[in-house]
Each structure stands twice: as C-alpha cells, then as structure tokens.
Amino acid sequence: MSVAMTRGVLFVHSAPTALCPHVEWAVGAVVDKRTDLEWTPQPAAPGMFRAELSWTGTPGTGAKLASCLRGWAHLRYEVTEEPSQGVDGGRWSHTPELGIFHAVTDVHGNIMVSEDRIRYAYESGAGDPAAVYHELSLALGEAWDEELEPFRHAAEGAPVRWLHQVG
C-alpha cells in the first residue's frame, strides 16, 4: 500500500543570524533530513536573513513545520501544504507580534472560511457591519498578510531548493 504524499514550501521571511542554525536543526528534525538552507539578507529588515525550502512529505508535514518554529522571537515565516487525496491544504503564517495563523486552503491556494466561522462573524456582529468585517478579516488572516507582505516582496527572485522526504 502506498503512502499519500504532499508538498509545500517553508518561507522563512526573517530570522536573526544566531537563530538560523536553530531553524535548520528544527526543520531537519521534522523532515528527517539535514537541511542546509541558503540564507540571504532580508532587504525588508536589515540584519535579518531569509530562506526558502520546498519539501515533499506525508500530509501533516506543514503543520509539524509550523509547530516546530512557533513562538520563536524575531522569526517570521509561512508554511504552505498542498491538498492531497482526502486531505485539505493549509497555510500557516507567523509573526512575533501576531503569533500564528492557520487557514485551510483549496487546490488553488485560496483560504477556505468555514460555514461556522461565517455564522460566528454574523452573530458576533449583531447587525454592525464593522464588527462583521473585523471577524471576517481575522478569518482571512489579513493582519498577517499585511505584516508579511513587505517581506514577501523582498524575496522576489530568490532561489528555491527542493527537499524530498522518502518514506
């Protein structure tokens, strides 16, 4: 019987120099392989570095990567995991100020907001459009996108390296 596989990308948007080897060790423990990330200066945050890693693994690898890096001071990152047979995709975003955000994604990478989350937005808004807008903004992770966008643009043209996990 074959094991379901998926793939995704880890974007480390900013990390201080001293944290870079620790990120590599943590990521290596998740993908069960040594990772020598190619760290480049992050123009959006002088003195910080960025790296990207494309990975292949079993479903849930994205959540494990996001969890192993969660809460580290001065670390900004995103993890994506593509949907696989019977499993939704996901995106995890982390900033030191906001913490971690998780969203389920479809095959195109769009965030999927559940019926219950939409109902909660309506109910908590109690007829106030601004409150409904606020709740939907939280459900879409807009605050994380706004904070990470300058770091994403600074990465245009950066190299990407594929890492394949066996088994």
C-alpha atoms as a PDB file:
ATOM      1  CA  MET A   1       0.000   0.000   0.000  1.00  0.00           C
ATOM      2  CA  SER A   2       1.415   3.383  -0.983  1.00  0.00           C
ATOM      3  CA  VAL A   3       1.721   6.261   1.444  1.00  0.00           C
ATOM      4  CA  ALA A   4      -0.044   9.507   0.485  1.00  0.00           C
ATOM      5  CA  MET A   5       2.380  12.332  -0.186  1.00  0.00           C
ATOM      6  CA  THR A   6       2.051  16.076  -0.492  1.00  0.00           C
ATOM      7  CA  ARG A   7       4.368  19.002  -0.940  1.00  0.00           C
ATOM      8  CA  GLY A   8       4.727  22.550   0.215  1.00  0.00           C
ATOM      9  CA  VAL A   9       7.071  25.407   0.877  1.00  0.00           C
ATOM     10  CA  LEU A  10       8.589  26.869   4.032  1.00  0.00           C
ATOM     11  CA  PHE A  11       9.303  30.583   3.685  1.00  0.00           C
ATOM     12  CA  VAL A  12      11.472  31.933   6.491  1.00  0.00           C
ATOM     13  CA  HIS A  13      10.897  35.638   5.880  1.00  0.00           C
ATOM     14  CA  SER A  14      13.194  36.946   8.598  1.00  0.00           C
ATOM     15  CA  ALA A  15      15.475  35.432  11.181  1.00  0.00           C
ATOM     16  CA  PRO A  16      18.412  36.878  13.116  1.00  0.00           C
ATOM     17  CA  THR A  17      21.800  35.313  12.350  1.00  0.00           C
ATOM     18  CA  ALA A  18      22.003  33.488  15.680  1.00  0.00           C
ATOM     19  CA  LEU A  19      18.656  31.789  15.054  1.00  0.00           C
ATOM     20  CA  CYS A  20      19.428  30.479  11.540  1.00  0.00           C
ATOM     21  CA  PRO A  21      21.181  27.231  12.603  1.00  0.00           C
ATOM     22  CA  HIS A  22      18.412  26.509  15.111  1.00  0.00           C
ATOM     23  CA  VAL A  23      15.814  26.869  12.349  1.00  0.00           C
ATOM     24  CA  GLU A  24      17.787  24.403  10.215  1.00  0.00           C
ATOM     25  CA  TRP A  25      18.005  21.877  13.064  1.00  0.00           C
ATOM     26  CA  ALA A  26      14.283  22.147  13.852  1.00  0.00           C
ATOM     27  CA  VAL A  27      13.272  21.810  10.204  1.00  0.00           C
ATOM     28  CA  GLY A  28      15.689  18.908   9.733  1.00  0.00           C
ATOM     29  CA  ALA A  29      14.095  17.076  12.655  1.00  0.00           C
ATOM     30  CA  VAL A  30      10.649  17.401  11.031  1.00  0.00           C
ATOM     31  CA  VAL A  31      11.669  16.332   7.517  1.00  0.00           C
ATOM     32  CA  ASP A  32      14.073  13.730   8.943  1.00  0.00           C
ATOM     33  CA  LYS A  33      16.920  15.009   6.813  1.00  0.00           C
ATOM     34  CA  ARG A  34      19.720  17.510   7.300  1.00  0.00           C
ATOM     35  CA  THR A  35      18.808  20.884   5.868  1.00  0.00           C
ATOM     36  CA  ASP A  36      21.413  23.392   4.821  1.00  0.00           C
ATOM     37  CA  LEU A  37      19.245  26.347   3.942  1.00  0.00           C
ATOM     38  CA  GLU A  38      20.609  29.064   1.689  1.00  0.00           C
ATOM     39  CA  TRP A  39      20.331  32.160   3.866  1.00  0.00           C
ATOM     40  CA  THR A  40      20.280  35.522   2.109  1.00  0.00           C
ATOM     41  CA  PRO A  41      19.979  39.014   3.577  1.00  0.00           C
ATOM     42  CA  GLN A  42      16.394  40.213   4.041  1.00  0.00           C
ATOM     43  CA  PRO A  43      16.205  43.707   2.497  1.00  0.00           C
ATOM     44  CA  ALA A  44      12.940  44.473   4.327  1.00  0.00           C
ATOM     45  CA  ALA A  45      14.680  44.000   7.694  1.00  0.00           C
ATOM     46  CA  PRO A  46      18.381  44.915   7.715  1.00  0.00           C
ATOM     47  CA  GLY A  47      20.420  42.490   9.814  1.00  0.00           C
ATOM     48  CA  MET A  48      17.906  39.668   9.267  1.00  0.00           C
ATOM     49  CA  PHE A  49      18.115  36.727   6.877  1.00  0.00           C
ATOM     50  CA  ARG A  50      15.625  34.786   4.787  1.00  0.00           C
ATOM     51  CA  ALA A  51      15.465  31.297   3.279  1.00  0.00           C
ATOM     52  CA  GLU A  52      13.041  29.075   1.394  1.00  0.00           C
ATOM     53  CA  LEU A  53      12.647  25.325   1.342  1.00  0.00           C
ATOM     54  CA  SER A  54      10.356  23.328  -0.918  1.00  0.00           C
ATOM     55  CA  TRP A  55       9.530  19.995   0.691  1.00  0.00           C
ATOM     56  CA  THR A  56       7.751  16.745  -0.074  1.00  0.00           C
ATOM     57  CA  GLY A  57       6.343  14.593   2.719  1.00  0.00           C
ATOM     58  CA  THR A  58       3.303  12.971   4.234  1.00  0.00           C
ATOM     59  CA  PRO A  59       0.171  15.038   4.883  1.00  0.00           C
ATOM     60  CA  GLY A  60       0.585  16.969   8.119  1.00  0.00           C
ATOM     61  CA  THR A  61       4.223  17.883   7.475  1.00  0.00           C
ATOM     62  CA  GLY A  62       3.214  21.531   7.046  1.00  0.00           C
ATOM     63  CA  ALA A  63       1.589  21.591  10.481  1.00  0.00           C
ATOM     64  CA  LYS A  64       4.659  19.968  12.023  1.00  0.00           C
ATOM     65  CA  LEU A  65       6.955  22.558  10.429  1.00  0.00           C
ATOM     66  CA  ALA A  66       4.766  25.443  11.620  1.00  0.00           C
ATOM     67  CA  SER A  67       4.596  23.977  15.124  1.00  0.00           C
ATOM     68  CA  CYS A  68       8.333  23.424  15.494  1.00  0.00           C
ATOM     69  CA  LEU A  69       9.017  27.114  14.735  1.00  0.00           C
ATOM     70  CA  ARG A  70       6.033  28.592  16.564  1.00  0.00           C
ATOM     71  CA  GLY A  71       6.710  31.316  19.094  1.00  0.00           C
ATOM     72  CA  TRP A  72      10.373  31.926  18.331  1.00  0.00           C
ATOM     73  CA  ALA A  73      11.285  35.556  18.958  1.00  0.00           C
ATOM     74  CA  HIS A  74      12.138  37.647  15.897  1.00  0.00           C
ATOM     75  CA  LEU A  75      11.109  34.869  13.467  1.00  0.00           C
ATOM     76  CA  ARG A  76       8.669  35.497  10.628  1.00  0.00           C
ATOM     77  CA  TYR A  77       7.661  32.562   8.475  1.00  0.00           C
ATOM     78  CA  GLU A  78       4.979  30.937   6.375  1.00  0.00           C
ATOM     79  CA  VAL A  79       4.392  27.292   5.588  1.00  0.00           C
ATOM     80  CA  THR A  80       2.182  26.016   2.805  1.00  0.00           C
ATOM     81  CA  GLU A  81       0.957  22.466   2.262  1.00  0.00           C
ATOM     82  CA  GLU A  82      -0.847  21.456  -0.908  1.00  0.00           C
ATOM     83  CA  PRO A  83      -4.026  19.389  -0.668  1.00  0.00           C
ATOM     84  CA  SER A  84      -3.608  15.658  -1.159  1.00  0.00           C
ATOM     85  CA  GLN A  85      -6.068  12.839  -1.575  1.00  0.00           C
ATOM     86  CA  GLY A  86      -8.584  13.149   1.267  1.00  0.00           C
ATOM     87  CA  VAL A  87      -6.682  15.997   2.976  1.00  0.00           C
ATOM     88  CA  ASP A  88      -7.203  19.752   2.643  1.00  0.00           C
ATOM     89  CA  GLY A  89      -4.288  22.062   2.038  1.00  0.00           C
ATOM     90  CA  GLY A  90      -3.115  24.563   4.596  1.00  0.00           C
ATOM     91  CA  ARG A  91      -1.222  27.760   5.191  1.00  0.00           C
ATOM     92  CA  TRP A  92       0.422  28.800   8.445  1.00  0.00           C
ATOM     93  CA  SER A  93       1.727  32.335   8.958  1.00  0.00           C
ATOM     94  CA  HIS A  94       3.718  33.534  11.959  1.00  0.00           C
ATOM     95  CA  THR A  95       4.955  36.905  13.125  1.00  0.00           C
ATOM     96  CA  PRO A  96       6.455  37.786  16.503  1.00  0.00           C
ATOM     97  CA  GLU A  97       3.729  40.372  17.129  1.00  0.00           C
ATOM     98  CA  LEU A  98       0.683  38.368  15.993  1.00  0.00           C
ATOM     99  CA  GLY A  99       1.673  34.767  16.699  1.00  0.00           C
ATOM    100  CA  ILE A 100       0.470  32.019  14.380  1.00  0.00           C
ATOM    101  CA  PHE A 101      -2.431  31.954  11.926  1.00  0.00           C
ATOM    102  CA  HIS A 102      -3.724  28.826  10.208  1.00  0.00           C
ATOM    103  CA  ALA A 103      -6.115  28.537   7.304  1.00  0.00           C
ATOM    104  CA  VAL A 104      -7.425  25.642   5.243  1.00  0.00           C
ATOM    105  CA  THR A 105      -6.726  26.132   1.534  1.00  0.00           C
ATOM    106  CA  ASP A 106      -8.192  24.751  -1.669  1.00  0.00           C
ATOM    107  CA  VAL A 107      -6.309  23.363  -4.680  1.00  0.00           C
ATOM    108  CA  HIS A 108      -5.622  26.924  -5.889  1.00  0.00           C
ATOM    109  CA  GLY A 109      -4.284  28.170  -2.547  1.00  0.00           C
ATOM    110  CA  ASN A 110      -7.410  30.146  -1.672  1.00  0.00           C
ATOM    111  CA  ILE A 111      -8.317  30.361   2.010  1.00  0.00           C
ATOM    112  CA  MET A 112     -11.497  28.467   2.752  1.00  0.00           C
ATOM    113  CA  VAL A 113     -13.617  30.019   5.509  1.00  0.00           C
ATOM    114  CA  SER A 114     -15.987  27.539   7.134  1.00  0.00           C
ATOM    115  CA  GLU A 115     -19.724  27.992   7.470  1.00  0.00           C
ATOM    116  CA  ASP A 116     -19.395  28.089  11.254  1.00  0.00           C
ATOM    117  CA  ARG A 117     -16.798  30.873  11.091  1.00  0.00           C
ATOM    118  CA  ILE A 118     -19.050  32.934   8.816  1.00  0.00           C
ATOM    119  CA  ARG A 119     -22.029  32.369  11.120  1.00  0.00           C
ATOM    120  CA  TYR A 120     -19.891  33.463  14.087  1.00  0.00           C
ATOM    121  CA  ALA A 121     -18.988  36.677  12.233  1.00  0.00           C
ATOM    122  CA  TYR A 122     -22.659  37.431  11.611  1.00  0.00           C
ATOM    123  CA  GLU A 123     -23.713  36.592  15.159  1.00  0.00           C
ATOM    124  CA  SER A 124     -20.913  38.480  16.877  1.00  0.00           C
ATOM    125  CA  GLY A 125     -21.523  41.451  14.594  1.00  0.00           C
ATOM    126  CA  ALA A 126     -25.156  41.651  15.755  1.00  0.00           C
ATOM    127  CA  GLY A 127     -26.042  43.879  12.812  1.00  0.00           C
ATOM    128  CA  ASP A 128     -22.886  46.014  13.000  1.00  0.00           C
ATOM    129  CA  PRO A 129     -21.187  45.757   9.579  1.00  0.00           C
ATOM    130  CA  ALA A 130     -17.836  46.900  11.026  1.00  0.00           C
ATOM    131  CA  ALA A 131     -17.854  44.031  13.541  1.00  0.00           C
ATOM    132  CA  VAL A 132     -18.716  41.505  10.813  1.00  0.00           C
ATOM    133  CA  TYR A 133     -15.918  42.907   8.645  1.00  0.00           C
ATOM    134  CA  HIS A 134     -13.479  42.627  11.566  1.00  0.00           C
ATOM    135  CA  GLU A 135     -14.362  38.964  12.195  1.00  0.00           C
ATOM    136  CA  LEU A 136     -14.064  38.077   8.500  1.00  0.00           C
ATOM    137  CA  SER A 137     -10.736  39.901   8.344  1.00  0.00           C
ATOM    138  CA  LEU A 138      -9.498  37.707  11.217  1.00  0.00           C
ATOM    139  CA  ALA A 139     -10.792  34.575   9.452  1.00  0.00           C
ATOM    140  CA  LEU A 140      -8.827  35.511   6.326  1.00  0.00           C
ATOM    141  CA  GLY A 141      -5.630  36.347   8.222  1.00  0.00           C
ATOM    142  CA  GLU A 142      -5.459  39.857   6.796  1.00  0.00           C
ATOM    143  CA  ALA A 143      -3.330  41.219   9.641  1.00  0.00           C
ATOM    144  CA  TRP A 144      -0.689  38.535   8.972  1.00  0.00           C
ATOM    145  CA  ASP A 145      -0.770  39.245   5.240  1.00  0.00           C
ATOM    146  CA  GLU A 146      -0.312  42.970   5.845  1.00  0.00           C
ATOM    147  CA  GLU A 147       2.655  42.408   8.136  1.00  0.00           C
ATOM    148  CA  LEU A 148       4.334  39.799   5.916  1.00  0.00           C
ATOM    149  CA  GLU A 149       3.775  41.449   2.530  1.00  0.00           C
ATOM    150  CA  PRO A 150       6.938  43.632   2.602  1.00  0.00           C
ATOM    151  CA  PHE A 151       8.987  40.519   3.420  1.00  0.00           C
ATOM    152  CA  ARG A 152       7.377  38.563   0.560  1.00  0.00           C
ATOM    153  CA  HIS A 153       8.204  41.262  -1.982  1.00  0.00           C
ATOM    154  CA  ALA A 154      11.782  41.419  -0.790  1.00  0.00           C
ATOM    155  CA  ALA A 155      12.081  37.714  -1.699  1.00  0.00           C
ATOM    156  CA  GLU A 156      11.264  38.089  -5.407  1.00  0.00           C
ATOM    157  CA  GLY A 157      13.870  36.313  -7.489  1.00  0.00           C
ATOM    158  CA  ALA A 158      15.296  34.385  -4.524  1.00  0.00           C
ATOM    159  CA  PRO A 159      16.423  30.796  -5.114  1.00  0.00           C
ATOM    160  CA  VAL A 160      14.221  27.873  -4.102  1.00  0.00           C
ATOM    161  CA  ARG A 161      15.626  24.441  -3.216  1.00  0.00           C
ATOM    162  CA  TRP A 162      13.598  21.192  -3.298  1.00  0.00           C
ATOM    163  CA  LEU A 163      13.929  18.676  -0.482  1.00  0.00           C
ATOM    164  CA  HIS A 164      12.293  15.292  -0.943  1.00  0.00           C
ATOM    165  CA  GLN A 165      11.410  13.081   2.001  1.00  0.00           C
ATOM    166  CA  VAL A 166      11.452   9.338   1.444  1.00  0.00           C
ATOM    167  CA  GLY A 167       9.018   7.045   3.239  1.00  0.00           C
END
